[in-house]
C-alpha atoms as a PDB file:
ATOM      1  CA  UNK A   1      24.335   5.335   9.891  1.00  0.00           C
ATOM      2  CA  UNK A   2      20.989   5.242   8.108  1.00  0.00           C
ATOM      3  CA  UNK A   3      20.774   2.833   5.185  1.00  0.00           C
ATOM      4  CA  UNK A   4      19.513   3.755   1.733  1.00  0.00           C
ATOM      5  CA  UNK A   5      16.191   1.941   2.240  1.00  0.00           C
ATOM      6  CA  UNK A   6      15.471   3.899   5.421  1.00  0.00           C
ATOM      7  CA  UNK A   7      16.348   7.161   3.678  1.00  0.00           C
ATOM      8  CA  UNK A   8      13.850   6.256   0.938  1.00  0.00           C
ATOM      9  CA  UNK A   9      11.165   5.424   3.520  1.00  0.00           C
ATOM     10  CA  UNK A  10      11.822   8.747   5.275  1.00  0.00           C
ATOM     11  CA  UNK A  11      11.327  10.515   1.948  1.00  0.00           C
ATOM     12  CA  UNK A  12       8.031   8.642   1.474  1.00  0.00           C
ATOM     13  CA  UNK A  13       6.984   9.754   4.978  1.00  0.00           C
ATOM     14  CA  UNK A  14       7.363  13.315   3.693  1.00  0.00           C
ATOM     15  CA  UNK A  15       5.152  12.632   0.654  1.00  0.00           C
ATOM     16  CA  UNK A  16       7.980  12.483  -1.894  1.00  0.00           C
ATOM     17  CA  UNK A  17       6.257  11.098  -5.009  1.00  0.00           C
ATOM     18  CA  UNK A  18       9.546  10.149  -6.680  1.00  0.00           C
ATOM     19  CA  UNK A  19      10.529   8.105  -3.603  1.00  0.00           C
ATOM     20  CA  UNK A  20       7.099   6.450  -3.643  1.00  0.00           C
ATOM     21  CA  UNK A  21       7.553   5.495  -7.309  1.00  0.00           C
ATOM     22  CA  UNK A  22      10.984   4.029  -6.553  1.00  0.00           C
ATOM     23  CA  UNK A  23       9.473   2.017  -3.689  1.00  0.00           C
ATOM     24  CA  UNK A  24       6.644   0.696  -5.848  1.00  0.00           C
ATOM     25  CA  UNK A  25       9.152  -0.585  -8.382  1.00  0.00           C
ATOM     26  CA  UNK A  26      11.497  -2.079  -5.806  1.00  0.00           C
ATOM     27  CA  UNK A  27      12.149  -5.770  -5.218  1.00  0.00           C
ATOM     28  CA  UNK A  28      12.125  -5.035  -1.480  1.00  0.00           C
ATOM     29  CA  UNK A  29       8.811  -5.986   0.136  1.00  0.00           C
ATOM     30  CA  UNK A  30       9.081  -3.375   2.908  1.00  0.00           C
ATOM     31  CA  UNK A  31       9.690  -0.617   0.363  1.00  0.00           C
ATOM     32  CA  UNK A  32       6.734  -1.731  -1.744  1.00  0.00           C
ATOM     33  CA  UNK A  33       4.399  -1.749   1.266  1.00  0.00           C
ATOM     34  CA  UNK A  34       5.635   1.631   2.491  1.00  0.00           C
ATOM     35  CA  UNK A  35       5.140   3.061  -0.999  1.00  0.00           C
ATOM     36  CA  UNK A  36       1.557   1.779  -1.124  1.00  0.00           C
ATOM     37  CA  UNK A  37       0.795   3.178   2.327  1.00  0.00           C
ATOM     38  CA  UNK A  38       2.290   6.598   1.664  1.00  0.00           C
ATOM     39  CA  UNK A  39       0.828   6.942  -1.817  1.00  0.00           C
ATOM     40  CA  UNK A  40      -2.560   6.374  -0.170  1.00  0.00           C
ATOM     41  CA  UNK A  41      -1.997   8.638   2.828  1.00  0.00           C
ATOM     42  CA  UNK A  42      -0.737  11.471   0.615  1.00  0.00           C
ATOM     43  CA  UNK A  43      -3.468  10.866  -2.002  1.00  0.00           C
ATOM     44  CA  UNK A  44      -1.008  10.422  -4.850  1.00  0.00           C
ATOM     45  CA  UNK A  45      -3.260  10.055  -7.883  1.00  0.00           C
ATOM     46  CA  UNK A  46      -0.550   9.819 -10.517  1.00  0.00           C
ATOM     47  CA  UNK A  47      -1.655   7.397 -13.262  1.00  0.00           C
ATOM     48  CA  UNK A  48       1.653   5.508 -13.104  1.00  0.00           C
ATOM     49  CA  UNK A  49       1.308   5.027  -9.352  1.00  0.00           C
ATOM     50  CA  UNK A  50      -2.311   3.824  -9.585  1.00  0.00           C
ATOM     51  CA  UNK A  51      -1.497   1.468 -12.447  1.00  0.00           C
ATOM     52  CA  UNK A  52       1.401  -0.049 -10.515  1.00  0.00           C
ATOM     53  CA  UNK A  53      -0.729  -0.543  -7.401  1.00  0.00           C
ATOM     54  CA  UNK A  54      -3.379  -2.307  -9.510  1.00  0.00           C
ATOM     55  CA  UNK A  55      -0.683  -4.664 -10.785  1.00  0.00           C
ATOM     56  CA  UNK A  56       0.480  -5.310  -7.232  1.00  0.00           C
ATOM     57  CA  UNK A  57      -2.882  -6.765  -6.100  1.00  0.00           C
ATOM     58  CA  UNK A  58      -1.601 -10.208  -7.074  1.00  0.00           C
ATOM     59  CA  UNK A  59       1.752  -9.761  -5.306  1.00  0.00           C
ATOM     60  CA  UNK A  60       1.931 -12.413  -2.571  1.00  0.00           C
ATOM     61  CA  UNK A  61       5.236 -11.246  -1.086  1.00  0.00           C
ATOM     62  CA  UNK A  62       4.736 -11.331   2.646  1.00  0.00           C
ATOM     63  CA  UNK A  63       6.191  -8.998   5.244  1.00  0.00           C
ATOM     64  CA  UNK A  64       6.391 -11.065   8.398  1.00  0.00           C
ATOM     65  CA  UNK A  65       6.641  -8.110  10.763  1.00  0.00           C
ATOM     66  CA  UNK A  66       3.180  -6.852   9.810  1.00  0.00           C
ATOM     67  CA  UNK A  67       1.667 -10.191   8.692  1.00  0.00           C
ATOM     68  CA  UNK A  68       0.217  -8.843   5.433  1.00  0.00           C
ATOM     69  CA  UNK A  69       1.063  -9.317   1.770  1.00  0.00           C
ATOM     70  CA  UNK A  70       1.838  -6.604  -0.734  1.00  0.00           C
ATOM     71  CA  UNK A  71      -1.336  -7.599  -2.578  1.00  0.00           C
ATOM     72  CA  UNK A  72      -3.471  -7.096   0.519  1.00  0.00           C
ATOM     73  CA  UNK A  73      -2.054  -3.603   0.981  1.00  0.00           C
ATOM     74  CA  UNK A  74      -2.628  -2.861  -2.714  1.00  0.00           C
ATOM     75  CA  UNK A  75      -6.239  -4.055  -2.588  1.00  0.00           C
ATOM     76  CA  UNK A  76      -6.952  -2.012   0.549  1.00  0.00           C
ATOM     77  CA  UNK A  77      -5.293   1.044  -1.010  1.00  0.00           C
ATOM     78  CA  UNK A  78      -7.466   0.905  -4.103  1.00  0.00           C
ATOM     79  CA  UNK A  79     -10.568   0.512  -1.952  1.00  0.00           C
ATOM     80  CA  UNK A  80      -9.641   3.414   0.341  1.00  0.00           C
ATOM     81  CA  UNK A  81      -9.025   5.646  -2.679  1.00  0.00           C
ATOM     82  CA  UNK A  82     -12.418   4.747  -4.135  1.00  0.00           C
ATOM     83  CA  UNK A  83     -10.764   3.389  -7.273  1.00  0.00           C
ATOM     84  CA  UNK A  84     -11.966  -0.170  -6.807  1.00  0.00           C
ATOM     85  CA  UNK A  85     -14.878  -0.478  -4.464  1.00  0.00           C
ATOM     86  CA  UNK A  86     -16.054  -3.900  -3.502  1.00  0.00           C
ATOM     87  CA  UNK A  87     -19.491  -5.249  -2.717  1.00  0.00           C
ATOM     88  CA  UNK A  88     -18.620  -4.564   0.902  1.00  0.00           C
ATOM     89  CA  UNK A  89     -17.344  -1.483   2.579  1.00  0.00           C
ATOM     90  CA  UNK A  90     -14.852  -1.213   5.399  1.00  0.00           C
ATOM     91  CA  UNK A  91     -17.655  -1.283   7.984  1.00  0.00           C
ATOM     92  CA  UNK A  92     -19.569  -4.258   6.615  1.00  0.00           C
ATOM     93  CA  UNK A  93     -16.950  -6.507   5.093  1.00  0.00           C
ATOM     94  CA  UNK A  94     -18.157 -10.079   4.796  1.00  0.00           C
ATOM     95  CA  UNK A  95     -15.583 -11.283   2.283  1.00  0.00           C
ATOM     96  CA  UNK A  96     -13.002 -13.989   2.493  1.00  0.00           C
ATOM     97  CA  UNK A  97      -9.943 -12.018   3.574  1.00  0.00           C
ATOM     98  CA  UNK A  98      -9.912 -10.638   7.125  1.00  0.00           C
ATOM     99  CA  UNK A  99      -6.456  -9.131   6.539  1.00  0.00           C
ATOM    100  CA  UNK A 100      -7.829  -6.780   3.891  1.00  0.00           C
ATOM    101  CA  UNK A 101     -10.691  -5.848   6.240  1.00  0.00           C
ATOM    102  CA  UNK A 102      -8.213  -4.899   8.970  1.00  0.00           C
ATOM    103  CA  UNK A 103      -6.198  -2.782   6.560  1.00  0.00           C
ATOM    104  CA  UNK A 104      -9.281  -0.979   5.266  1.00  0.00           C
ATOM    105  CA  UNK A 105     -10.516  -0.360   8.807  1.00  0.00           C
ATOM    106  CA  UNK A 106      -7.113   1.081   9.742  1.00  0.00           C
ATOM    107  CA  UNK A 107      -7.271   3.564   6.845  1.00  0.00           C
ATOM    108  CA  UNK A 108      -3.466   3.220   6.958  1.00  0.00           C
ATOM    109  CA  UNK A 109      -3.389   5.402  10.067  1.00  0.00           C
ATOM    110  CA  UNK A 110      -0.385   3.669  11.598  1.00  0.00           C
END
């Protein structure tokens, strides 16, 4: 039997914006990260979604299985969307956080 979180993730995999919004507002770290990834992959430019992702940059919840924080995913998402570009780009990153560099380089193509 598939649990409710997996059903929500499956909906996000199909680009369901409502499922993405639910994930972004969840207390579950895996749902938040999946929502960030899929909102980026499906180019969801809804103002509510973008605003929430901006808020999430400071979220230090850590998902051990992927070794990244919610905030790192949020920062990479905003960079990939061109919403918040940094002094570096994904090819020439010289900043302090190698995790964000890896996420940007991946372009969330997992």
